[in-house]
Amino acid sequence: MPTYQYACADCGHQFEVFQSFSEASLTTCPECKGEVRKVYSAVGVVFKGSGFYKTDSVKSKTPETPAATTPAAAPAPAPSSAPSAE
């Protein structure tokens, strides 16, 4: 539910109210019963996580080969530690 800020034109009292979009705006101050108006201010928006940048979904230009189709290199034989017969 959105939070709206109001300010009284008579006494200067400022307050916030949780209201749905379909509710009517407040017209009277809860303290002095004077006329109130909505206060609009800039809202900062922060996008966190992946998927918000152009580079997050860009595919690489060089196709990568899957590891399953790449032939494995044969292991080199281990050197023998046994003494040789002369």
PDB file of N, CA and C in Angstrom:
ATOM      1  N   MET A   1       0.851  -1.167   0.000  1.00  0.00           N
ATOM      2  CA  MET A   1       0.000   0.000   0.000  1.00  0.00           C
ATOM      3  C   MET A   1       0.903   1.238   0.000  1.00  0.00           C
ATOM      4  N   PRO A   2       0.593   2.216  -0.821  1.00  0.00           N
ATOM      5  CA  PRO A   2       1.436   3.416  -0.912  1.00  0.00           C
ATOM      6  C   PRO A   2       1.347   4.289   0.344  1.00  0.00           C
ATOM      7  N   THR A   3       2.422   5.010   0.584  1.00  0.00           N
ATOM      8  CA  THR A   3       2.472   5.975   1.671  1.00  0.00           C
ATOM      9  C   THR A   3       2.427   7.367   1.065  1.00  0.00           C
ATOM     10  N   TYR A   4       1.499   8.185   1.537  1.00  0.00           N
ATOM     11  CA  TYR A   4       1.369   9.558   1.040  1.00  0.00           C
ATOM     12  C   TYR A   4       1.742  10.530   2.139  1.00  0.00           C
ATOM     13  N   GLN A   5       2.394  11.614   1.768  1.00  0.00           N
ATOM     14  CA  GLN A   5       2.760  12.663   2.716  1.00  0.00           C
ATOM     15  C   GLN A   5       1.782  13.814   2.547  1.00  0.00           C
ATOM     16  N   TYR A   6       1.365  14.363   3.667  1.00  0.00           N
ATOM     17  CA  TYR A   6       0.456  15.507   3.665  1.00  0.00           C
ATOM     18  C   TYR A   6       1.061  16.608   4.528  1.00  0.00           C
ATOM     19  N   ALA A   7       0.691  17.853   4.223  1.00  0.00           N
ATOM     20  CA  ALA A   7       1.100  19.012   5.012  1.00  0.00           C
ATOM     21  C   ALA A   7      -0.110  19.922   5.179  1.00  0.00           C
ATOM     22  N   CYS A   8      -0.280  20.431   6.382  1.00  0.00           N
ATOM     23  CA  CYS A   8      -1.393  21.329   6.667  1.00  0.00           C
ATOM     24  C   CYS A   8      -1.024  22.745   6.231  1.00  0.00           C
ATOM     25  N   ALA A   9      -1.935  23.405   5.545  1.00  0.00           N
ATOM     26  CA  ALA A   9      -1.702  24.778   5.086  1.00  0.00           C
ATOM     27  C   ALA A   9      -1.842  25.773   6.240  1.00  0.00           C
ATOM     28  N   ASP A  10      -2.595  25.410   7.294  1.00  0.00           N
ATOM     29  CA  ASP A  10      -2.834  26.331   8.409  1.00  0.00           C
ATOM     30  C   ASP A  10      -1.751  26.240   9.485  1.00  0.00           C
ATOM     31  N   CYS A  11      -1.533  25.029  10.036  1.00  0.00           N
ATOM     32  CA  CYS A  11      -0.595  24.905  11.162  1.00  0.00           C
ATOM     33  C   CYS A  11       0.776  24.385  10.758  1.00  0.00           C
ATOM     34  N   GLY A  12       0.942  23.882   9.509  1.00  0.00           N
ATOM     35  CA  GLY A  12       2.238  23.395   9.039  1.00  0.00           C
ATOM     36  C   GLY A  12       2.545  21.964   9.458  1.00  0.00           C
ATOM     37  N   HIS A  13       1.602  21.284  10.109  1.00  0.00           N
ATOM     38  CA  HIS A  13       1.808  19.897  10.543  1.00  0.00           C
ATOM     39  C   HIS A  13       1.999  19.002   9.325  1.00  0.00           C
ATOM     40  N   GLN A  14       3.046  18.139   9.357  1.00  0.00           N
ATOM     41  CA  GLN A  14       3.299  17.205   8.267  1.00  0.00           C
ATOM     42  C   GLN A  14       3.144  15.788   8.799  1.00  0.00           C
ATOM     43  N   PHE A  15       2.512  14.923   8.004  1.00  0.00           N
ATOM     44  CA  PHE A  15       2.284  13.542   8.428  1.00  0.00           C
ATOM     45  C   PHE A  15       2.188  12.637   7.220  1.00  0.00           C
ATOM     46  N   GLU A  16       2.323  11.331   7.467  1.00  0.00           N
ATOM     47  CA  GLU A  16       2.241  10.324   6.417  1.00  0.00           C
ATOM     48  C   GLU A  16       1.051   9.411   6.676  1.00  0.00           C
ATOM     49  N   VAL A  17       0.425   8.949   5.602  1.00  0.00           N
ATOM     50  CA  VAL A  17      -0.741   8.088   5.708  1.00  0.00           C
ATOM     51  C   VAL A  17      -0.613   6.960   4.688  1.00  0.00           C
ATOM     52  N   PHE A  18      -0.909   5.717   5.110  1.00  0.00           N
ATOM     53  CA  PHE A  18      -0.977   4.579   4.194  1.00  0.00           C
ATOM     54  C   PHE A  18      -2.382   4.560   3.603  1.00  0.00           C
ATOM     55  N   GLN A  19      -2.460   4.680   2.282  1.00  0.00           N
ATOM     56  CA  GLN A  19      -3.752   4.683   1.601  1.00  0.00           C
ATOM     57  C   GLN A  19      -3.667   3.846   0.337  1.00  0.00           C
ATOM     58  N   SER A  20      -4.775   3.211  -0.011  1.00  0.00           N
ATOM     59  CA  SER A  20      -4.812   2.480  -1.278  1.00  0.00           C
ATOM     60  C   SER A  20      -5.017   3.485  -2.409  1.00  0.00           C
ATOM     61  N   PHE A  21      -4.808   3.024  -3.623  1.00  0.00           N
ATOM     62  CA  PHE A  21      -4.963   3.905  -4.783  1.00  0.00           C
ATOM     63  C   PHE A  21      -6.402   4.385  -4.944  1.00  0.00           C
ATOM     64  N   SER A  22      -7.338   3.569  -4.531  1.00  0.00           N
ATOM     65  CA  SER A  22      -8.746   3.911  -4.746  1.00  0.00           C
ATOM     66  C   SER A  22      -9.319   4.842  -3.670  1.00  0.00           C
ATOM     67  N   GLU A  23      -8.609   5.034  -2.558  1.00  0.00           N
ATOM     68  CA  GLU A  23      -9.108   5.924  -1.507  1.00  0.00           C
ATOM     69  C   GLU A  23      -8.993   7.385  -1.920  1.00  0.00           C
ATOM     70  N   ALA A  24      -9.909   8.190  -1.424  1.00  0.00           N
ATOM     71  CA  ALA A  24      -9.874   9.635  -1.683  1.00  0.00           C
ATOM     72  C   ALA A  24      -8.781  10.286  -0.832  1.00  0.00           C
ATOM     73  N   SER A  25      -8.223  11.379  -1.335  1.00  0.00           N
ATOM     74  CA  SER A  25      -7.194  12.105  -0.592  1.00  0.00           C
ATOM     75  C   SER A  25      -7.779  12.731   0.659  1.00  0.00           C
ATOM     76  N   LEU A  26      -6.933  12.883   1.684  1.00  0.00           N
ATOM     77  CA  LEU A  26      -7.385  13.547   2.909  1.00  0.00           C
ATOM     78  C   LEU A  26      -7.557  15.036   2.647  1.00  0.00           C
ATOM     79  N   THR A  27      -8.480  15.662   3.382  1.00  0.00           N
ATOM     80  CA  THR A  27      -8.719  17.092   3.192  1.00  0.00           C
ATOM     81  C   THR A  27      -8.578  17.891   4.469  1.00  0.00           C
ATOM     82  N   THR A  28      -8.616  17.235   5.637  1.00  0.00           N
ATOM     83  CA  THR A  28      -8.522  17.976   6.898  1.00  0.00           C
ATOM     84  C   THR A  28      -7.361  17.479   7.744  1.00  0.00           C
ATOM     85  N   CYS A  29      -6.728  18.409   8.451  1.00  0.00           N
ATOM     86  CA  CYS A  29      -5.595  18.117   9.327  1.00  0.00           C
ATOM     87  C   CYS A  29      -6.101  17.416  10.589  1.00  0.00           C
ATOM     88  N   PRO A  30      -5.429  16.349  11.042  1.00  0.00           N
ATOM     89  CA  PRO A  30      -5.866  15.674  12.257  1.00  0.00           C
ATOM     90  C   PRO A  30      -5.614  16.493  13.527  1.00  0.00           C
ATOM     91  N   GLU A  31      -4.789  17.539  13.463  1.00  0.00           N
ATOM     92  CA  GLU A  31      -4.477  18.322  14.655  1.00  0.00           C
ATOM     93  C   GLU A  31      -5.335  19.592  14.776  1.00  0.00           C
ATOM     94  N   CYS A  32      -5.425  20.379  13.680  1.00  0.00           N
ATOM     95  CA  CYS A  32      -6.138  21.655  13.777  1.00  0.00           C
ATOM     96  C   CYS A  32      -7.402  21.711  12.918  1.00  0.00           C
ATOM     97  N   LYS A  33      -7.683  20.638  12.189  1.00  0.00           N
ATOM     98  CA  LYS A  33      -8.844  20.552  11.280  1.00  0.00           C
ATOM     99  C   LYS A  33      -8.747  21.537  10.116  1.00  0.00           C
ATOM    100  N   GLY A  34      -7.525  21.996   9.825  1.00  0.00           N
ATOM    101  CA  GLY A  34      -7.309  22.894   8.686  1.00  0.00           C
ATOM    102  C   GLY A  34      -7.197  22.098   7.388  1.00  0.00           C
ATOM    103  N   GLU A  35      -6.980  22.813   6.310  1.00  0.00           N
ATOM    104  CA  GLU A  35      -6.893  22.192   4.989  1.00  0.00           C
ATOM    105  C   GLU A  35      -5.502  21.595   4.767  1.00  0.00           C
ATOM    106  N   VAL A  36      -5.455  20.355   4.257  1.00  0.00           N
ATOM    107  CA  VAL A  36      -4.168  19.705   3.978  1.00  0.00           C
ATOM    108  C   VAL A  36      -4.000  19.519   2.477  1.00  0.00           C
ATOM    109  N   ARG A  37      -2.734  19.354   2.071  1.00  0.00           N
ATOM    110  CA  ARG A  37      -2.419  19.087   0.675  1.00  0.00           C
ATOM    111  C   ARG A  37      -1.370  17.985   0.636  1.00  0.00           C
ATOM    112  N   LYS A  38      -1.354  17.245  -0.462  1.00  0.00           N
ATOM    113  CA  LYS A  38      -0.343  16.203  -0.633  1.00  0.00           C
ATOM    114  C   LYS A  38       1.004  16.847  -0.925  1.00  0.00           C
ATOM    115  N   VAL A  39       2.040  16.244  -0.384  1.00  0.00           N
ATOM    116  CA  VAL A  39       3.402  16.701  -0.632  1.00  0.00           C
ATOM    117  C   VAL A  39       4.071  15.675  -1.538  1.00  0.00           C
ATOM    118  N   TYR A  40       4.543  16.126  -2.684  1.00  0.00           N
ATOM    119  CA  TYR A  40       5.205  15.244  -3.633  1.00  0.00           C
ATOM    120  C   TYR A  40       6.706  15.482  -3.559  1.00  0.00           C
ATOM    121  N   SER A  41       7.473  14.402  -3.554  1.00  0.00           N
ATOM    122  CA  SER A  41       8.925  14.522  -3.514  1.00  0.00           C
ATOM    123  C   SER A  41       9.531  13.482  -4.444  1.00  0.00           C
ATOM    124  N   ALA A  42      10.795  13.694  -4.779  1.00  0.00           N
ATOM    125  CA  ALA A  42      11.497  12.764  -5.661  1.00  0.00           C
ATOM    126  C   ALA A  42      11.731  11.453  -4.923  1.00  0.00           C
ATOM    127  N   VAL A  43      11.608  10.369  -5.653  1.00  0.00           N
ATOM    128  CA  VAL A  43      11.795   9.046  -5.073  1.00  0.00           C
ATOM    129  C   VAL A  43      13.018   8.417  -5.708  1.00  0.00           C
ATOM    130  N   GLY A  44      13.924   7.950  -4.875  1.00  0.00           N
ATOM    131  CA  GLY A  44      15.106   7.268  -5.385  1.00  0.00           C
ATOM    132  C   GLY A  44      14.794   5.807  -5.636  1.00  0.00           C
ATOM    133  N   VAL A  45      15.221   5.303  -6.775  1.00  0.00           N
ATOM    134  CA  VAL A  45      14.991   3.909  -7.118  1.00  0.00           C
ATOM    135  C   VAL A  45      16.339   3.232  -7.287  1.00  0.00           C
ATOM    136  N   VAL A  46      16.508   2.092  -6.620  1.00  0.00           N
ATOM    137  CA  VAL A  46      17.745   1.338  -6.716  1.00  0.00           C
ATOM    138  C   VAL A  46      17.408  -0.063  -7.199  1.00  0.00           C
ATOM    139  N   PHE A  47      18.020  -0.476  -8.312  1.00  0.00           N
ATOM    140  CA  PHE A  47      17.821  -1.817  -8.835  1.00  0.00           C
ATOM    141  C   PHE A  47      19.011  -2.663  -8.415  1.00  0.00           C
ATOM    142  N   LYS A  48      18.742  -3.741  -7.698  1.00  0.00           N
ATOM    143  CA  LYS A  48      19.815  -4.621  -7.240  1.00  0.00           C
ATOM    144  C   LYS A  48      19.631  -5.992  -7.847  1.00  0.00           C
ATOM    145  N   GLY A  49      20.724  -6.687  -8.046  1.00  0.00           N
ATOM    146  CA  GLY A  49      20.660  -8.039  -8.573  1.00  0.00           C
ATOM    147  C   GLY A  49      21.015  -8.074 -10.047  1.00  0.00           C
ATOM    148  N   SER A  50      20.962  -9.263 -10.605  1.00  0.00           N
ATOM    149  CA  SER A  50      21.314  -9.398 -12.019  1.00  0.00           C
ATOM    150  C   SER A  50      20.093  -9.150 -12.881  1.00  0.00           C
ATOM    151  N   GLY A  51      20.315  -8.828 -14.131  1.00  0.00           N
ATOM    152  CA  GLY A  51      19.231  -8.633 -15.077  1.00  0.00           C
ATOM    153  C   GLY A  51      18.853  -7.197 -15.333  1.00  0.00           C
ATOM    154  N   PHE A  52      19.543  -6.251 -14.729  1.00  0.00           N
ATOM    155  CA  PHE A  52      19.185  -4.853 -14.897  1.00  0.00           C
ATOM    156  C   PHE A  52      20.117  -4.108 -15.840  1.00  0.00           C
ATOM    157  N   TYR A  53      21.187  -4.754 -16.258  1.00  0.00           N
ATOM    158  CA  TYR A  53      22.129  -4.088 -17.136  1.00  0.00           C
ATOM    159  C   TYR A  53      22.093  -4.728 -18.513  1.00  0.00           C
ATOM    160  N   LYS A  54      22.426  -3.963 -19.526  1.00  0.00           N
ATOM    161  CA  LYS A  54      22.421  -4.432 -20.906  1.00  0.00           C
ATOM    162  C   LYS A  54      23.377  -5.607 -21.084  1.00  0.00           C
ATOM    163  N   THR A  55      24.484  -5.602 -20.357  1.00  0.00           N
ATOM    164  CA  THR A  55      25.489  -6.646 -20.508  1.00  0.00           C
ATOM    165  C   THR A  55      25.129  -7.936 -19.776  1.00  0.00           C
ATOM    166  N   ASP A  56      24.098  -7.945 -18.947  1.00  0.00           N
ATOM    167  CA  ASP A  56      23.730  -9.153 -18.211  1.00  0.00           C
ATOM    168  C   ASP A  56      23.172 -10.245 -19.114  1.00  0.00           C
ATOM    169  N   SER A  57      22.537  -9.881 -20.200  1.00  0.00           N
ATOM    170  CA  SER A  57      21.908 -10.884 -21.053  1.00  0.00           C
ATOM    171  C   SER A  57      22.578 -11.008 -22.417  1.00  0.00           C
ATOM    172  N   VAL A  58      23.734 -10.422 -22.588  1.00  0.00           N
ATOM    173  CA  VAL A  58      24.431 -10.470 -23.871  1.00  0.00           C
ATOM    174  C   VAL A  58      25.132 -11.817 -23.999  1.00  0.00           C
ATOM    175  N   LYS A  59      24.949 -12.464 -25.151  1.00  0.00           N
ATOM    176  CA  LYS A  59      25.620 -13.735 -25.408  1.00  0.00           C
ATOM    177  C   LYS A  59      27.004 -13.441 -25.963  1.00  0.00           C
ATOM    178  N   SER A  60      27.952 -14.323 -25.641  1.00  0.00           N
ATOM    179  CA  SER A  60      29.303 -14.112 -26.146  1.00  0.00           C
ATOM    180  C   SER A  60      29.337 -14.353 -27.645  1.00  0.00           C
ATOM    181  N   LYS A  61      30.271 -13.723 -28.331  1.00  0.00           N
ATOM    182  CA  LYS A  61      30.363 -13.829 -29.786  1.00  0.00           C
ATOM    183  C   LYS A  61      31.025 -15.120 -30.218  1.00  0.00           C
ATOM    184  N   THR A  62      31.879 -15.726 -29.389  1.00  0.00           N
ATOM    185  CA  THR A  62      32.531 -16.979 -29.744  1.00  0.00           C
ATOM    186  C   THR A  62      31.738 -18.117 -29.120  1.00  0.00           C
ATOM    187  N   PRO A  63      31.343 -19.077 -29.928  1.00  0.00           N
ATOM    188  CA  PRO A  63      30.576 -20.196 -29.368  1.00  0.00           C
ATOM    189  C   PRO A  63      31.474 -21.056 -28.485  1.00  0.00           C
ATOM    190  N   GLU A  64      30.967 -21.426 -27.356  1.00  0.00           N
ATOM    191  CA  GLU A  64      31.724 -22.283 -26.445  1.00  0.00           C
ATOM    192  C   GLU A  64      31.334 -23.723 -26.701  1.00  0.00           C
ATOM    193  N   THR A  65      32.321 -24.615 -26.702  1.00  0.00           N
ATOM    194  CA  THR A  65      32.029 -26.027 -26.891  1.00  0.00           C
ATOM    195  C   THR A  65      31.777 -26.658 -25.538  1.00  0.00           C
ATOM    196  N   PRO A  66      30.784 -27.496 -25.446  1.00  0.00           N
ATOM    197  CA  PRO A  66      30.518 -28.155 -24.180  1.00  0.00           C
ATOM    198  C   PRO A  66      31.671 -29.065 -23.781  1.00  0.00           C
ATOM    199  N   ALA A  67      31.867 -29.253 -22.509  1.00  0.00           N
ATOM    200  CA  ALA A  67      32.971 -30.057 -22.006  1.00  0.00           C
ATOM    201  C   ALA A  67      32.821 -31.520 -22.397  1.00  0.00           C
ATOM    202  N   ALA A  68      31.615 -32.018 -22.583  1.00  0.00           N
ATOM    203  CA  ALA A  68      31.397 -33.424 -22.907  1.00  0.00           C
ATOM    204  C   ALA A  68      31.904 -33.771 -24.309  1.00  0.00           C
ATOM    205  N   THR A  69      31.925 -32.835 -25.245  1.00  0.00           N
ATOM    206  CA  THR A  69      32.360 -33.136 -26.607  1.00  0.00           C
ATOM    207  C   THR A  69      33.849 -32.877 -26.814  1.00  0.00           C
ATOM    208  N   THR A  70      34.507 -32.257 -25.861  1.00  0.00           N
ATOM    209  CA  THR A  70      35.936 -31.987 -25.985  1.00  0.00           C
ATOM    210  C   THR A  70      36.709 -33.244 -25.598  1.00  0.00           C
ATOM    211  N   PRO A  71      37.592 -33.748 -26.472  1.00  0.00           N
ATOM    212  CA  PRO A  71      38.342 -34.957 -26.105  1.00  0.00           C
ATOM    213  C   PRO A  71      39.306 -34.660 -24.968  1.00  0.00           C
ATOM    214  N   ALA A  72      39.395 -35.603 -24.054  1.00  0.00           N
ATOM    215  CA  ALA A  72      40.284 -35.434 -22.910  1.00  0.00           C
ATOM    216  C   ALA A  72      41.704 -35.786 -23.318  1.00  0.00           C
ATOM    217  N   ALA A  73      42.676 -35.091 -22.788  1.00  0.00           N
ATOM    218  CA  ALA A  73      44.081 -35.392 -23.076  1.00  0.00           C
ATOM    219  C   ALA A  73      44.470 -36.660 -22.329  1.00  0.00           C
ATOM    220  N   ALA A  74      45.275 -37.495 -22.978  1.00  0.00           N
ATOM    221  CA  ALA A  74      45.726 -38.732 -22.345  1.00  0.00           C
ATOM    222  C   ALA A  74      46.719 -38.390 -21.252  1.00  0.00           C
ATOM    223  N   PRO A  75      46.583 -39.025 -20.090  1.00  0.00           N
ATOM    224  CA  PRO A  75      47.531 -38.720 -19.015  1.00  0.00           C
ATOM    225  C   PRO A  75      48.924 -39.242 -19.357  1.00  0.00           C
ATOM    226  N   ALA A  76      49.918 -38.492 -18.977  1.00  0.00           N
ATOM    227  CA  ALA A  76      51.311 -38.896 -19.221  1.00  0.00           C
ATOM    228  C   ALA A  76      51.666 -40.011 -18.247  1.00  0.00           C
ATOM    229  N   PRO A  77      52.458 -40.999 -18.693  1.00  0.00           N
ATOM    230  CA  PRO A  77      52.840 -42.072 -17.772  1.00  0.00           C
ATOM    231  C   PRO A  77      53.745 -41.531 -16.678  1.00  0.00           C
ATOM    232  N   ALA A  78      53.542 -42.057 -15.497  1.00  0.00           N
ATOM    233  CA  ALA A  78      54.352 -41.625 -14.353  1.00  0.00           C
ATOM    234  C   ALA A  78      55.760 -42.194 -14.493  1.00  0.00           C
ATOM    235  N   PRO A  79      56.782 -41.420 -14.131  1.00  0.00           N
ATOM    236  CA  PRO A  79      58.150 -41.927 -14.215  1.00  0.00           C
ATOM    237  C   PRO A  79      58.346 -43.085 -13.210  1.00  0.00           C
ATOM    238  N   SER A  80      59.076 -44.058 -13.637  1.00  0.00           N
ATOM    239  CA  SER A  80      59.308 -45.227 -12.779  1.00  0.00           C
ATOM    240  C   SER A  80      60.423 -44.887 -11.789  1.00  0.00           C
ATOM    241  N   SER A  81      60.212 -45.304 -10.557  1.00  0.00           N
ATOM    242  CA  SER A  81      61.227 -45.056  -9.521  1.00  0.00           C
ATOM    243  C   SER A  81      62.066 -46.298  -9.234  1.00  0.00           C
ATOM    244  N   ALA A  82      61.822 -47.386  -9.986  1.00  0.00           N
ATOM    245  CA  ALA A  82      62.602 -48.624  -9.793  1.00  0.00           C
ATOM    246  C   ALA A  82      63.995 -48.458 -10.395  1.00  0.00           C
ATOM    247  N   PRO A  83      65.023 -49.001  -9.728  1.00  0.00           N
ATOM    248  CA  PRO A  83      66.384 -48.898 -10.277  1.00  0.00           C
ATOM    249  C   PRO A  83      66.513 -49.746 -11.534  1.00  0.00           C
ATOM    250  N   SER A  84      67.221 -49.252 -12.499  1.00  0.00           N
ATOM    251  CA  SER A  84      67.385 -49.978 -13.753  1.00  0.00           C
ATOM    252  C   SER A  84      68.509 -51.023 -13.615  1.00  0.00           C
ATOM    253  N   ALA A  85      68.383 -52.145 -14.276  1.00  0.00           N
ATOM    254  CA  ALA A  85      69.382 -53.209 -14.226  1.00  0.00           C
ATOM    255  C   ALA A  85      70.448 -52.927 -15.272  1.00  0.00           C
ATOM    256  N   GLU A  86      71.708 -52.976 -14.863  1.00  0.00           N
ATOM    257  CA  GLU A  86      72.781 -52.724 -15.811  1.00  0.00           C
ATOM    258  C   GLU A  86      73.471 -53.961 -16.184  1.00  0.00           C
TER     259      GLU A  86
END
